[in-house]
Amino acid sequence: MGTQQLLFIILGVILLGIAIAAGITMFNAQVASFNRDSIISDLNELAAHAYAFRGMLRSMGGGQGDYSTYSIPTVMATNGNATYTILNASVNSLIIQAVSAQDPSNTVQVLIGADGKLQNWTYAGDFQ
C-alpha cells in the first residue's frame, strides 16, 4: 500500500507541474494579446490626431490636406504600451510603427490613409 500511495503522490506532483506550466503559458499569451490591443487603441488615437492635423489649415498649425509635416506629439510618442514613431509621411499617407514597451521584439506597423483610417497592418514578434 505504501508504494501505491507514493506513486499517486508522484503522479499528482507531475500533473500539478504540467497544470502550472500550462497556466503560465496561457497567462503570457493573454498579456501579449492585451498589449497588442492596447497598442491598436493608441494607434487609432494617433490616426484621429493625424487626420485632424491633416484637415486643419496651415495658418492654424495644421497640414492643410497633407500628412508630410505631421509629427507625433511628445505626450503621445511614448506610454506604458509602446513607443510610436513615424516611418514615412507623405501627402496622402502616414506609416507609424509601435514598439512594445513590454517586449521590443513585438512591433506593429500601420498605414494611415487619406481618410484617416488604419490600413495594411504588419505585426512582428508574439503579435503575429
Protein backbone atom coordinates (compact mmCIF):
# COMPACT_ATOMS: atom_id res chain seq x y z
CA MET A 1 0.00 0.00 0.00
CA GLY A 2 2.90 2.41 0.69
CA THR A 3 4.30 2.03 -2.83
CA GLN A 4 0.91 2.73 -4.37
CA GLN A 5 0.47 5.89 -2.26
CA LEU A 6 3.95 7.10 -3.22
CA LEU A 7 3.15 6.50 -6.89
CA PHE A 8 -0.07 8.55 -6.59
CA ILE A 9 1.81 11.41 -4.89
CA ILE A 10 4.44 11.48 -7.65
CA LEU A 11 1.74 11.37 -10.33
CA GLY A 12 -0.12 14.21 -8.59
CA VAL A 13 3.03 16.36 -8.42
CA ILE A 14 3.71 15.78 -12.14
CA LEU A 15 0.14 16.69 -13.08
CA LEU A 16 0.29 19.79 -10.89
CA GLY A 17 3.55 20.86 -12.59
CA ILE A 18 2.01 20.42 -16.04
CA ALA A 19 -1.06 22.43 -15.00
CA ILE A 20 1.10 25.27 -13.64
CA ALA A 21 3.22 25.36 -16.82
CA ALA A 22 0.09 25.48 -18.99
CA GLY A 23 -1.35 28.26 -16.83
CA ILE A 24 1.81 30.35 -17.14
CA THR A 25 1.84 29.89 -20.92
CA MET A 26 -1.80 30.94 -21.19
CA PHE A 27 -1.19 33.97 -18.95
CA ASN A 28 1.78 35.14 -21.05
CA ALA A 29 -0.24 34.78 -24.25
CA GLN A 30 -3.03 36.84 -22.71
CA VAL A 31 -0.59 39.57 -21.62
CA ALA A 32 0.80 39.81 -25.19
CA SER A 33 -2.73 39.95 -26.59
CA PHE A 34 -3.75 42.70 -24.15
CA ASN A 35 -0.61 44.69 -25.02
CA ARG A 36 -1.34 44.34 -28.76
CA ASP A 37 -4.94 45.51 -28.25
CA SER A 38 -3.76 48.49 -26.20
CA ILE A 39 -1.28 49.45 -28.91
CA ILE A 40 -4.01 49.24 -31.55
CA SER A 41 -6.17 51.52 -29.44
CA ASP A 42 -3.29 54.01 -29.18
CA LEU A 43 -2.75 53.80 -32.95
CA ASN A 44 -6.43 54.62 -33.51
CA GLU A 45 -6.00 57.67 -31.30
CA LEU A 46 -2.87 58.71 -33.21
CA ALA A 47 -4.70 58.23 -36.52
CA ALA A 48 -7.50 60.51 -35.34
CA HIS A 49 -4.96 63.12 -34.22
CA ALA A 50 -3.06 62.93 -37.52
CA TYR A 51 -6.27 63.15 -39.53
CA ALA A 52 -7.35 66.23 -37.56
CA PHE A 53 -3.92 67.75 -38.26
CA ARG A 54 -4.28 66.97 -41.96
CA GLY A 55 -7.67 68.69 -42.14
CA MET A 56 -6.56 71.85 -40.35
CA LEU A 57 -5.27 74.92 -42.21
CA ARG A 58 -1.52 75.64 -42.09
CA SER A 59 -2.22 79.03 -40.57
CA MET A 60 -3.82 77.19 -37.64
CA GLY A 61 -0.92 74.77 -37.24
CA GLY A 62 -2.26 72.01 -39.44
CA GLY A 63 -1.22 70.22 -42.59
CA GLN A 64 -3.84 71.64 -44.96
CA GLY A 65 -4.54 68.29 -46.64
CA ASP A 66 -1.02 66.95 -46.13
CA TYR A 67 0.48 64.45 -43.65
CA SER A 68 4.11 65.17 -44.61
CA THR A 69 4.72 67.73 -41.85
CA TYR A 70 2.93 65.76 -39.12
CA SER A 71 4.91 64.79 -36.03
CA ILE A 72 3.67 62.75 -33.10
CA PRO A 73 3.17 64.92 -30.02
CA THR A 74 5.64 64.18 -27.22
CA VAL A 75 2.81 63.20 -24.87
CA MET A 76 1.60 60.56 -27.33
CA ALA A 77 5.01 59.30 -28.53
CA THR A 78 5.66 57.02 -25.55
CA ASN A 79 3.42 55.43 -22.93
CA GLY A 80 3.19 52.21 -20.93
CA ASN A 81 2.11 50.29 -24.02
CA ALA A 82 4.69 51.25 -26.64
CA THR A 83 6.90 53.84 -28.30
CA TYR A 84 5.45 55.28 -31.51
CA THR A 85 7.50 56.65 -34.41
CA ILE A 86 6.71 57.84 -37.92
CA LEU A 87 8.44 55.73 -40.56
CA ASN A 88 7.10 57.59 -43.59
CA ALA A 89 4.92 60.65 -44.05
CA SER A 90 3.62 61.79 -47.42
CA VAL A 91 0.77 63.92 -48.70
CA ASN A 92 -1.88 61.16 -48.51
CA SER A 93 -0.46 58.57 -46.13
CA LEU A 94 1.40 58.11 -42.90
CA ILE A 95 3.17 54.97 -41.67
CA ILE A 96 3.56 54.63 -37.90
CA GLN A 97 5.50 51.93 -36.07
CA ALA A 98 4.79 50.91 -32.49
CA VAL A 99 7.45 49.06 -30.49
CA SER A 100 6.04 47.31 -27.43
CA ALA A 101 7.26 48.55 -24.04
CA GLN A 102 6.97 45.02 -22.63
CA ASP A 103 8.95 43.24 -25.36
CA PRO A 104 10.78 45.31 -28.00
CA SER A 105 10.65 42.37 -30.45
CA ASN A 106 6.86 42.90 -30.64
CA THR A 107 6.05 45.60 -33.17
CA VAL A 108 3.08 46.87 -35.14
CA GLN A 109 3.30 48.95 -38.31
CA VAL A 110 0.23 50.57 -39.76
CA LEU A 111 -0.60 52.76 -42.73
CA ILE A 112 -2.95 55.68 -42.12
CA GLY A 113 -4.70 56.58 -45.34
CA ALA A 114 -6.01 59.90 -46.62
CA ASP A 115 -9.36 59.14 -44.96
CA GLY A 116 -7.70 58.78 -41.53
CA LYS A 117 -8.39 55.05 -41.28
CA LEU A 118 -5.87 52.41 -40.32
CA GLN A 119 -4.86 50.09 -43.17
CA ASN A 120 -2.19 47.49 -44.01
CA TRP A 121 -1.30 46.13 -40.58
CA THR A 122 2.08 44.43 -40.12
CA TYR A 123 2.77 42.52 -36.90
CA ALA A 124 6.09 41.11 -35.69
CA GLY A 125 7.14 39.06 -32.65
CA ASP A 126 4.48 37.49 -30.40
CA PHE A 127 1.85 39.74 -32.00
CA GLN A 128 1.66 37.59 -35.15
